[in-house]
Amino acid sequence: TWNWKGYSIRYQCSGSSGPALVLVHGFGANSNHWRKNIPVLAKSHRVYAIDLIGYGYSDKPNPREVGDSFYIFETWGSQLNDFCSSVVKDKAFFICNSIGGLVGLQAAVAKPEICRGLFLLNISLRMLHVKKQPWFGRPFIASFQSLLGNTAVGNFSSDPLPHRSLLEVFFV
């Protein structure tokens, strides 16, 4: 665990050489989301996977006590940058899934000197997508999303990085 502003933050690390990779999970997930990717990436990289505050095994401060402006992308982006400075002690590539992509983008915008690059997977821009959907297509899209998210059909694509060779090409 890492202490960030008085909160206990859980992270995982593996690998001892190569560029640093910080894996950032999506909504409702934690660093275990990357459990199959960490060992493969650690063969050639220093890999860190963090549980953002409010998720997984990290502390979950009560919103009534910390205020409405605590659980926002600026907070998580700051957490990610502080994590790189304090734990990784180096610049890092951010590999981000879902809302983790917005966290990675926020961190990169706030402190571009820390982020070596971004790899965004299924970045969550849901509000943008909803606004661009035609009114008549929204029920069908919602049904399809529900099918993928709530049935066995969605399990066929549950690993965010199923193809190791893609990462090898990107980071080599």
N, C-alpha and C. Protein backbone atom coordinates (compact mmCIF):
# COMPACT_ATOMS: atom_id res chain seq x y z
N THR A 1 0.85 -1.19 0.00
CA THR A 1 0.00 0.00 0.00
C THR A 1 0.88 1.24 0.00
N TRP A 2 0.31 2.32 -0.44
CA TRP A 2 0.98 3.61 -0.51
C TRP A 2 0.06 4.61 0.19
N ASN A 3 0.64 5.48 0.99
CA ASN A 3 -0.14 6.49 1.70
C ASN A 3 -0.20 7.74 0.84
N TRP A 4 -1.39 8.11 0.43
CA TRP A 4 -1.60 9.30 -0.38
C TRP A 4 -2.54 10.24 0.36
N LYS A 5 -2.00 11.35 0.81
CA LYS A 5 -2.78 12.38 1.52
C LYS A 5 -3.54 11.80 2.70
N GLY A 6 -2.94 10.83 3.39
CA GLY A 6 -3.56 10.21 4.55
C GLY A 6 -4.46 9.04 4.24
N TYR A 7 -4.57 8.66 2.97
CA TYR A 7 -5.41 7.54 2.57
C TYR A 7 -4.54 6.37 2.13
N SER A 8 -5.00 5.17 2.42
CA SER A 8 -4.30 3.96 2.03
C SER A 8 -4.69 3.60 0.59
N ILE A 9 -3.69 3.52 -0.26
CA ILE A 9 -3.91 3.22 -1.67
C ILE A 9 -3.21 1.91 -2.00
N ARG A 10 -3.96 0.98 -2.54
CA ARG A 10 -3.41 -0.32 -2.89
C ARG A 10 -2.87 -0.28 -4.31
N TYR A 11 -1.72 -0.91 -4.50
CA TYR A 11 -1.18 -1.06 -5.84
C TYR A 11 -0.43 -2.38 -5.94
N GLN A 12 -0.19 -2.79 -7.16
CA GLN A 12 0.58 -3.99 -7.43
C GLN A 12 1.76 -3.58 -8.31
N CYS A 13 2.87 -4.29 -8.16
CA CYS A 13 4.01 -4.01 -9.03
C CYS A 13 4.72 -5.31 -9.38
N SER A 14 5.33 -5.31 -10.55
CA SER A 14 6.05 -6.47 -11.03
C SER A 14 7.04 -6.01 -12.09
N GLY A 15 8.10 -6.76 -12.26
CA GLY A 15 9.11 -6.42 -13.25
C GLY A 15 10.18 -5.54 -12.65
N SER A 16 11.41 -5.66 -13.19
CA SER A 16 12.51 -4.91 -12.60
C SER A 16 13.31 -4.11 -13.61
N SER A 17 12.95 -4.18 -14.88
CA SER A 17 13.69 -3.41 -15.87
C SER A 17 12.75 -2.92 -16.96
N GLY A 18 13.26 -2.00 -17.74
CA GLY A 18 12.48 -1.46 -18.84
C GLY A 18 11.67 -0.25 -18.42
N PRO A 19 10.99 0.34 -19.38
CA PRO A 19 10.16 1.52 -19.08
C PRO A 19 9.05 1.19 -18.10
N ALA A 20 8.64 2.19 -17.34
CA ALA A 20 7.54 2.02 -16.38
C ALA A 20 6.20 2.11 -17.08
N LEU A 21 5.32 1.19 -16.73
CA LEU A 21 3.93 1.20 -17.20
C LEU A 21 3.04 1.31 -15.97
N VAL A 22 2.08 2.22 -16.00
CA VAL A 22 1.10 2.31 -14.91
C VAL A 22 -0.25 1.97 -15.50
N LEU A 23 -0.86 0.92 -14.97
CA LEU A 23 -2.14 0.43 -15.46
C LEU A 23 -3.25 1.02 -14.61
N VAL A 24 -4.21 1.65 -15.27
CA VAL A 24 -5.30 2.33 -14.57
C VAL A 24 -6.62 1.68 -14.98
N HIS A 25 -7.32 1.13 -13.99
CA HIS A 25 -8.56 0.40 -14.21
C HIS A 25 -9.72 1.32 -14.57
N GLY A 26 -10.84 0.71 -14.91
CA GLY A 26 -12.05 1.44 -15.23
C GLY A 26 -13.03 1.48 -14.09
N PHE A 27 -14.22 1.96 -14.38
CA PHE A 27 -15.29 2.14 -13.40
C PHE A 27 -15.66 0.79 -12.78
N GLY A 28 -15.74 0.78 -11.45
CA GLY A 28 -16.16 -0.41 -10.72
C GLY A 28 -15.12 -1.50 -10.65
N ALA A 29 -13.92 -1.25 -11.11
CA ALA A 29 -12.88 -2.27 -11.13
C ALA A 29 -11.77 -1.92 -10.14
N ASN A 30 -10.67 -2.65 -10.22
CA ASN A 30 -9.48 -2.38 -9.41
C ASN A 30 -8.28 -2.94 -10.15
N SER A 31 -7.13 -2.93 -9.51
CA SER A 31 -5.91 -3.37 -10.19
C SER A 31 -5.94 -4.85 -10.57
N ASN A 32 -6.79 -5.63 -9.95
CA ASN A 32 -6.92 -7.04 -10.34
C ASN A 32 -7.44 -7.19 -11.77
N HIS A 33 -8.03 -6.14 -12.28
CA HIS A 33 -8.52 -6.11 -13.65
C HIS A 33 -7.40 -6.49 -14.62
N TRP A 34 -6.16 -6.19 -14.25
CA TRP A 34 -4.99 -6.39 -15.10
C TRP A 34 -4.23 -7.67 -14.76
N ARG A 35 -4.80 -8.56 -13.98
CA ARG A 35 -4.09 -9.73 -13.44
C ARG A 35 -3.45 -10.59 -14.51
N LYS A 36 -4.05 -10.71 -15.67
CA LYS A 36 -3.47 -11.55 -16.73
C LYS A 36 -2.43 -10.78 -17.55
N ASN A 37 -2.47 -9.49 -17.52
CA ASN A 37 -1.56 -8.66 -18.30
C ASN A 37 -0.26 -8.36 -17.57
N ILE A 38 -0.34 -8.23 -16.25
CA ILE A 38 0.83 -7.84 -15.47
C ILE A 38 2.02 -8.79 -15.68
N PRO A 39 1.85 -10.11 -15.56
CA PRO A 39 3.01 -10.99 -15.73
C PRO A 39 3.65 -10.91 -17.12
N VAL A 40 2.83 -10.77 -18.14
CA VAL A 40 3.34 -10.69 -19.51
C VAL A 40 4.11 -9.38 -19.71
N LEU A 41 3.53 -8.29 -19.28
CA LEU A 41 4.18 -6.98 -19.44
C LEU A 41 5.44 -6.87 -18.59
N ALA A 42 5.46 -7.54 -17.44
CA ALA A 42 6.60 -7.46 -16.52
C ALA A 42 7.85 -8.15 -17.06
N LYS A 43 7.72 -8.91 -18.12
CA LYS A 43 8.90 -9.54 -18.72
C LYS A 43 9.84 -8.51 -19.32
N SER A 44 9.28 -7.38 -19.72
CA SER A 44 10.12 -6.36 -20.37
C SER A 44 9.89 -4.95 -19.84
N HIS A 45 9.08 -4.81 -18.79
CA HIS A 45 8.76 -3.49 -18.26
C HIS A 45 8.63 -3.54 -16.74
N ARG A 46 8.72 -2.39 -16.12
CA ARG A 46 8.36 -2.24 -14.71
C ARG A 46 6.88 -1.89 -14.72
N VAL A 47 6.07 -2.74 -14.13
CA VAL A 47 4.62 -2.60 -14.24
C VAL A 47 4.02 -2.28 -12.88
N TYR A 48 3.17 -1.28 -12.87
CA TYR A 48 2.44 -0.87 -11.66
C TYR A 48 0.96 -0.81 -12.01
N ALA A 49 0.13 -1.35 -11.14
CA ALA A 49 -1.32 -1.26 -11.31
C ALA A 49 -1.88 -0.70 -10.01
N ILE A 50 -2.64 0.34 -10.10
CA ILE A 50 -3.12 1.07 -8.92
C ILE A 50 -4.62 0.92 -8.76
N ASP A 51 -5.07 0.87 -7.52
CA ASP A 51 -6.50 0.99 -7.22
C ASP A 51 -6.75 2.47 -6.93
N LEU A 52 -7.47 3.13 -7.80
CA LEU A 52 -7.77 4.54 -7.57
C LEU A 52 -8.53 4.71 -6.25
N ILE A 53 -8.38 5.85 -5.64
CA ILE A 53 -9.09 6.10 -4.38
C ILE A 53 -10.60 5.96 -4.63
N GLY A 54 -11.25 5.26 -3.73
CA GLY A 54 -12.68 5.00 -3.89
C GLY A 54 -12.98 3.69 -4.58
N TYR A 55 -11.95 2.99 -5.03
CA TYR A 55 -12.13 1.74 -5.77
C TYR A 55 -11.31 0.62 -5.13
N GLY A 56 -11.73 -0.60 -5.41
CA GLY A 56 -10.96 -1.78 -5.02
C GLY A 56 -10.61 -1.82 -3.55
N TYR A 57 -9.33 -2.02 -3.28
CA TYR A 57 -8.85 -2.16 -1.91
C TYR A 57 -8.25 -0.85 -1.37
N SER A 58 -8.40 0.23 -2.11
CA SER A 58 -7.96 1.54 -1.61
C SER A 58 -9.05 2.11 -0.72
N ASP A 59 -8.66 3.09 0.10
CA ASP A 59 -9.65 3.73 0.97
C ASP A 59 -10.77 4.36 0.15
N LYS A 60 -11.93 4.42 0.79
CA LYS A 60 -13.12 4.99 0.18
C LYS A 60 -13.69 6.06 1.09
N PRO A 61 -13.10 7.26 1.06
CA PRO A 61 -13.62 8.32 1.93
C PRO A 61 -15.09 8.60 1.66
N ASN A 62 -15.80 8.88 2.72
CA ASN A 62 -17.22 9.18 2.63
C ASN A 62 -17.42 10.51 1.91
N PRO A 63 -18.20 10.54 0.82
CA PRO A 63 -18.41 11.79 0.07
C PRO A 63 -19.00 12.91 0.94
N ARG A 64 -19.77 12.54 1.95
CA ARG A 64 -20.34 13.57 2.84
C ARG A 64 -19.25 14.26 3.65
N GLU A 65 -18.15 13.55 3.90
CA GLU A 65 -17.06 14.11 4.68
C GLU A 65 -16.02 14.84 3.83
N VAL A 66 -15.78 14.35 2.61
CA VAL A 66 -14.74 14.95 1.77
C VAL A 66 -15.29 15.96 0.77
N GLY A 67 -16.59 15.98 0.57
CA GLY A 67 -17.20 16.96 -0.33
C GLY A 67 -17.46 16.41 -1.72
N ASP A 68 -18.34 17.10 -2.42
CA ASP A 68 -18.76 16.67 -3.76
C ASP A 68 -17.64 16.75 -4.79
N SER A 69 -16.65 17.59 -4.55
CA SER A 69 -15.60 17.78 -5.54
C SER A 69 -14.40 16.87 -5.30
N PHE A 70 -14.57 15.82 -4.51
CA PHE A 70 -13.46 14.90 -4.24
C PHE A 70 -13.36 13.82 -5.31
N TYR A 71 -14.45 13.14 -5.60
CA TYR A 71 -14.44 12.05 -6.58
C TYR A 71 -14.63 12.61 -7.98
N ILE A 72 -13.57 13.24 -8.46
CA ILE A 72 -13.58 13.85 -9.79
C ILE A 72 -12.28 13.47 -10.50
N PHE A 73 -12.22 13.67 -11.81
CA PHE A 73 -11.06 13.28 -12.58
C PHE A 73 -9.81 14.04 -12.18
N GLU A 74 -9.96 15.26 -11.72
CA GLU A 74 -8.80 16.03 -11.28
C GLU A 74 -8.15 15.37 -10.05
N THR A 75 -8.97 14.85 -9.14
CA THR A 75 -8.44 14.16 -7.96
C THR A 75 -7.68 12.91 -8.38
N TRP A 76 -8.30 12.08 -9.22
CA TRP A 76 -7.66 10.85 -9.65
C TRP A 76 -6.42 11.13 -10.50
N GLY A 77 -6.47 12.18 -11.34
CA GLY A 77 -5.30 12.55 -12.13
C GLY A 77 -4.15 12.96 -11.23
N SER A 78 -4.46 13.74 -10.21
CA SER A 78 -3.45 14.14 -9.23
C SER A 78 -2.89 12.92 -8.51
N GLN A 79 -3.76 12.00 -8.15
CA GLN A 79 -3.33 10.76 -7.49
C GLN A 79 -2.36 10.00 -8.40
N LEU A 80 -2.68 9.88 -9.66
CA LEU A 80 -1.84 9.16 -10.61
C LEU A 80 -0.47 9.82 -10.75
N ASN A 81 -0.44 11.14 -10.88
CA ASN A 81 0.84 11.84 -10.98
C ASN A 81 1.66 11.72 -9.70
N ASP A 82 1.01 11.85 -8.55
CA ASP A 82 1.71 11.71 -7.28
C ASP A 82 2.25 10.28 -7.12
N PHE A 83 1.50 9.31 -7.59
CA PHE A 83 1.94 7.91 -7.54
C PHE A 83 3.22 7.73 -8.35
N CYS A 84 3.27 8.33 -9.53
CA CYS A 84 4.48 8.23 -10.36
C CYS A 84 5.66 8.90 -9.67
N SER A 85 5.42 10.05 -9.08
CA SER A 85 6.51 10.76 -8.39
C SER A 85 6.99 10.01 -7.15
N SER A 86 6.06 9.49 -6.37
CA SER A 86 6.41 8.88 -5.08
C SER A 86 6.79 7.40 -5.15
N VAL A 87 6.10 6.63 -5.96
CA VAL A 87 6.31 5.18 -5.99
C VAL A 87 7.12 4.75 -7.21
N VAL A 88 6.68 5.14 -8.38
CA VAL A 88 7.37 4.74 -9.61
C VAL A 88 8.72 5.45 -9.69
N LYS A 89 8.77 6.68 -9.25
CA LYS A 89 9.98 7.51 -9.25
C LYS A 89 10.56 7.66 -10.65
N ASP A 90 9.65 7.79 -11.61
CA ASP A 90 10.07 7.91 -13.00
C ASP A 90 8.88 8.34 -13.83
N LYS A 91 9.16 8.75 -15.07
CA LYS A 91 8.09 8.96 -16.03
C LYS A 91 7.48 7.60 -16.34
N ALA A 92 6.24 7.59 -16.82
CA ALA A 92 5.61 6.31 -17.10
C ALA A 92 4.67 6.41 -18.28
N PHE A 93 4.46 5.29 -18.93
CA PHE A 93 3.38 5.15 -19.90
C PHE A 93 2.14 4.80 -19.11
N PHE A 94 1.02 5.46 -19.39
CA PHE A 94 -0.24 5.16 -18.74
C PHE A 94 -1.05 4.26 -19.67
N ILE A 95 -1.42 3.09 -19.18
CA ILE A 95 -2.30 2.18 -19.93
C ILE A 95 -3.61 2.19 -19.18
N CYS A 96 -4.64 2.71 -19.82
CA CYS A 96 -5.88 3.04 -19.12
C CYS A 96 -7.09 2.42 -19.80
N ASN A 97 -7.99 1.90 -18.99
CA ASN A 97 -9.22 1.31 -19.49
C ASN A 97 -10.42 2.10 -18.99
N SER A 98 -11.41 2.28 -19.86
CA SER A 98 -12.68 2.91 -19.51
C SER A 98 -12.46 4.29 -18.89
N ILE A 99 -13.04 4.57 -17.71
CA ILE A 99 -12.85 5.90 -17.12
C ILE A 99 -11.40 6.12 -16.71
N GLY A 100 -10.63 5.05 -16.59
CA GLY A 100 -9.20 5.21 -16.35
C GLY A 100 -8.55 6.01 -17.46
N GLY A 101 -9.11 5.96 -18.67
CA GLY A 101 -8.61 6.76 -19.78
C GLY A 101 -8.74 8.24 -19.52
N LEU A 102 -9.86 8.64 -18.95
CA LEU A 102 -10.04 10.06 -18.60
C LEU A 102 -9.11 10.46 -17.48
N VAL A 103 -8.86 9.54 -16.55
CA VAL A 103 -7.91 9.80 -15.46
C VAL A 103 -6.52 10.00 -16.05
N GLY A 104 -6.11 9.11 -16.94
CA GLY A 104 -4.80 9.23 -17.57
C GLY A 104 -4.66 10.51 -18.38
N LEU A 105 -5.70 10.87 -19.11
CA LEU A 105 -5.66 12.12 -19.88
C LEU A 105 -5.54 13.32 -18.95
N GLN A 106 -6.30 13.32 -17.85
CA GLN A 106 -6.24 14.42 -16.88
C GLN A 106 -4.84 14.53 -16.29
N ALA A 107 -4.26 13.38 -15.93
CA ALA A 107 -2.91 13.38 -15.36
C ALA A 107 -1.90 13.93 -16.37
N ALA A 108 -2.03 13.51 -17.62
CA ALA A 108 -1.10 13.95 -18.66
C ALA A 108 -1.22 15.44 -18.94
N VAL A 109 -2.43 15.96 -18.90
CA VAL A 109 -2.64 17.40 -19.12
C VAL A 109 -2.09 18.20 -17.95
N ALA A 110 -2.30 17.71 -16.73
CA ALA A 110 -1.87 18.43 -15.53
C ALA A 110 -0.34 18.45 -15.41
N LYS A 111 0.31 17.32 -15.73
CA LYS A 111 1.78 17.22 -15.59
C LYS A 111 2.35 16.41 -16.75
N PRO A 112 2.45 17.02 -17.91
CA PRO A 112 2.92 16.27 -19.09
C PRO A 112 4.34 15.73 -18.95
N GLU A 113 5.11 16.30 -18.05
CA GLU A 113 6.48 15.83 -17.86
C GLU A 113 6.55 14.45 -17.20
N ILE A 114 5.44 13.98 -16.63
CA ILE A 114 5.41 12.67 -15.97
C ILE A 114 4.96 11.57 -16.92
N CYS A 115 4.10 11.89 -17.85
CA CYS A 115 3.52 10.90 -18.76
C CYS A 115 4.37 10.75 -20.02
N ARG A 116 4.91 9.55 -20.23
CA ARG A 116 5.70 9.27 -21.44
C ARG A 116 4.80 8.98 -22.63
N GLY A 117 3.58 8.57 -22.36
CA GLY A 117 2.64 8.25 -23.42
C GLY A 117 1.38 7.63 -22.82
N LEU A 118 0.33 7.61 -23.63
CA LEU A 118 -0.96 7.07 -23.19
C LEU A 118 -1.40 5.95 -24.13
N PHE A 119 -1.96 4.92 -23.54
CA PHE A 119 -2.57 3.85 -24.30
C PHE A 119 -3.98 3.74 -23.76
N LEU A 120 -4.98 4.14 -24.53
CA LEU A 120 -6.35 4.21 -24.06
C LEU A 120 -7.16 3.05 -24.64
N LEU A 121 -7.80 2.29 -23.75
CA LEU A 121 -8.61 1.15 -24.15
C LEU A 121 -10.06 1.39 -23.77
N ASN A 122 -10.92 1.35 -24.75
CA ASN A 122 -12.35 1.53 -24.49
C ASN A 122 -12.61 2.74 -23.61
N ILE A 123 -12.00 3.86 -23.95
CA ILE A 123 -12.14 5.05 -23.13
C ILE A 123 -13.61 5.40 -23.00
N SER A 124 -13.98 5.74 -21.80
CA SER A 124 -15.38 6.02 -21.50
C SER A 124 -15.68 7.48 -21.78
N LEU A 125 -16.40 7.70 -22.83
CA LEU A 125 -16.92 9.03 -23.16
C LEU A 125 -18.43 8.91 -23.32
N ARG A 126 -19.02 8.20 -22.39
CA ARG A 126 -20.43 7.83 -22.51
C ARG A 126 -21.37 9.00 -22.72
N MET A 127 -21.16 10.08 -22.01
CA MET A 127 -22.08 11.21 -22.18
C MET A 127 -21.98 11.78 -23.59
N LEU A 128 -20.78 11.82 -24.13
CA LEU A 128 -20.59 12.27 -25.49
C LEU A 128 -21.31 11.34 -26.45
N HIS A 129 -21.16 10.04 -26.23
CA HIS A 129 -21.81 9.08 -27.11
C HIS A 129 -23.33 9.21 -27.04
N VAL A 130 -23.87 9.35 -25.85
CA VAL A 130 -25.32 9.44 -25.69
C VAL A 130 -25.85 10.67 -26.43
N LYS A 131 -25.17 11.78 -26.35
CA LYS A 131 -25.63 13.00 -27.02
C LYS A 131 -25.58 12.88 -28.53
N LYS A 132 -24.67 12.05 -29.03
CA LYS A 132 -24.54 11.91 -30.48
C LYS A 132 -25.44 10.83 -31.05
N GLN A 133 -26.03 10.01 -30.19
CA GLN A 133 -26.89 8.95 -30.67
C GLN A 133 -28.23 9.54 -31.12
N PRO A 134 -28.74 9.06 -32.25
CA PRO A 134 -30.08 9.53 -32.64
C PRO A 134 -31.11 9.00 -31.64
N TRP A 135 -32.16 9.74 -31.42
CA TRP A 135 -33.15 9.39 -30.40
C TRP A 135 -33.72 7.99 -30.64
N PHE A 136 -33.92 7.64 -31.91
CA PHE A 136 -34.54 6.35 -32.21
C PHE A 136 -33.57 5.17 -32.02
N GLY A 137 -32.26 5.43 -31.95
CA GLY A 137 -31.29 4.34 -31.78
C GLY A 137 -30.93 4.06 -30.33
N ARG A 138 -31.24 5.00 -29.46
CA ARG A 138 -30.84 4.86 -28.06
C ARG A 138 -31.35 3.59 -27.38
N PRO A 139 -32.61 3.19 -27.56
CA PRO A 139 -33.06 1.94 -26.91
C PRO A 139 -32.31 0.70 -27.40
N PHE A 140 -31.97 0.68 -28.69
CA PHE A 140 -31.25 -0.47 -29.24
C PHE A 140 -29.82 -0.51 -28.72
N ILE A 141 -29.19 0.64 -28.66
CA ILE A 141 -27.82 0.71 -28.15
C ILE A 141 -27.79 0.34 -26.68
N ALA A 142 -28.75 0.83 -25.91
CA ALA A 142 -28.82 0.49 -24.49
C ALA A 142 -29.03 -1.01 -24.30
N SER A 143 -29.87 -1.61 -25.13
CA SER A 143 -30.11 -3.06 -25.05
C SER A 143 -28.84 -3.83 -25.38
N PHE A 144 -28.12 -3.39 -26.41
CA PHE A 144 -26.88 -4.06 -26.79
C PHE A 144 -25.84 -3.94 -25.68
N GLN A 145 -25.70 -2.76 -25.09
CA GLN A 145 -24.77 -2.58 -23.98
C GLN A 145 -25.14 -3.47 -22.80
N SER A 146 -26.43 -3.59 -22.53
CA SER A 146 -26.90 -4.46 -21.46
C SER A 146 -26.57 -5.92 -21.77
N LEU A 147 -26.76 -6.33 -23.01
CA LEU A 147 -26.44 -7.69 -23.42
C LEU A 147 -24.96 -7.99 -23.15
N LEU A 148 -24.09 -7.07 -23.52
CA LEU A 148 -22.65 -7.27 -23.33
C LEU A 148 -22.26 -7.21 -21.86
N GLY A 149 -22.92 -6.34 -21.12
CA GLY A 149 -22.53 -6.15 -19.73
C GLY A 149 -23.16 -7.11 -18.74
N ASN A 150 -24.29 -7.70 -19.08
CA ASN A 150 -25.04 -8.49 -18.11
C ASN A 150 -25.26 -9.94 -18.49
N THR A 151 -24.64 -10.40 -19.56
CA THR A 151 -24.82 -11.79 -19.96
C THR A 151 -23.47 -12.42 -20.28
N ALA A 152 -23.48 -13.71 -20.54
CA ALA A 152 -22.26 -14.44 -20.86
C ALA A 152 -21.65 -13.98 -22.18
N VAL A 153 -22.44 -13.36 -23.04
CA VAL A 153 -21.92 -12.87 -24.32
C VAL A 153 -20.76 -11.91 -24.09
N GLY A 154 -20.89 -11.05 -23.09
CA GLY A 154 -19.84 -10.08 -22.79
C GLY A 154 -18.56 -10.69 -22.27
N ASN A 155 -18.61 -11.91 -21.77
CA ASN A 155 -17.42 -12.56 -21.24
C ASN A 155 -16.38 -12.89 -22.30
N PHE A 156 -16.79 -12.96 -23.56
CA PHE A 156 -15.84 -13.26 -24.62
C PHE A 156 -14.84 -12.14 -24.84
N SER A 157 -15.14 -10.94 -24.36
CA SER A 157 -14.22 -9.81 -24.55
C SER A 157 -13.86 -9.15 -23.23
N SER A 158 -13.81 -9.95 -22.15
CA SER A 158 -13.61 -9.36 -20.83
C SER A 158 -12.17 -8.94 -20.53
N ASP A 159 -11.18 -9.49 -21.23
CA ASP A 159 -9.80 -9.08 -20.98
C ASP A 159 -9.47 -7.87 -21.84
N PRO A 160 -9.00 -6.79 -21.22
CA PRO A 160 -8.76 -5.58 -21.98
C PRO A 160 -7.58 -5.67 -22.94
N LEU A 161 -6.63 -6.55 -22.69
CA LEU A 161 -5.46 -6.66 -23.55
C LEU A 161 -5.19 -8.12 -23.92
N PRO A 162 -6.06 -8.72 -24.72
CA PRO A 162 -5.89 -10.14 -24.97
C PRO A 162 -4.71 -10.47 -25.88
N HIS A 163 -4.19 -9.50 -26.63
CA HIS A 163 -3.13 -9.79 -27.59
C HIS A 163 -1.83 -9.14 -27.17
N ARG A 164 -0.93 -9.95 -26.66
CA ARG A 164 0.36 -9.49 -26.18
C ARG A 164 1.14 -8.79 -27.29
N SER A 165 1.07 -9.29 -28.51
CA SER A 165 1.88 -8.75 -29.60
C SER A 165 1.58 -7.28 -29.86
N LEU A 166 0.36 -6.84 -29.66
CA LEU A 166 0.01 -5.44 -29.84
C LEU A 166 0.82 -4.56 -28.91
N LEU A 167 0.94 -4.95 -27.65
CA LEU A 167 1.74 -4.16 -26.70
C LEU A 167 3.21 -4.25 -27.03
N GLU A 168 3.67 -5.41 -27.48
CA GLU A 168 5.08 -5.52 -27.82
C GLU A 168 5.42 -4.57 -28.97
N VAL A 169 4.54 -4.47 -29.95
CA VAL A 169 4.77 -3.55 -31.06
C VAL A 169 4.74 -2.11 -30.57
N PHE A 170 3.80 -1.78 -29.70
CA PHE A 170 3.63 -0.41 -29.23
C PHE A 170 4.79 0.06 -28.37
N PHE A 171 5.32 -0.79 -27.51
CA PHE A 171 6.33 -0.36 -26.55
C PHE A 171 7.76 -0.72 -26.91
N VAL A 172 7.97 -1.51 -27.93
CA VAL A 172 9.34 -1.90 -28.28
C VAL A 172 10.00 -0.81 -29.08
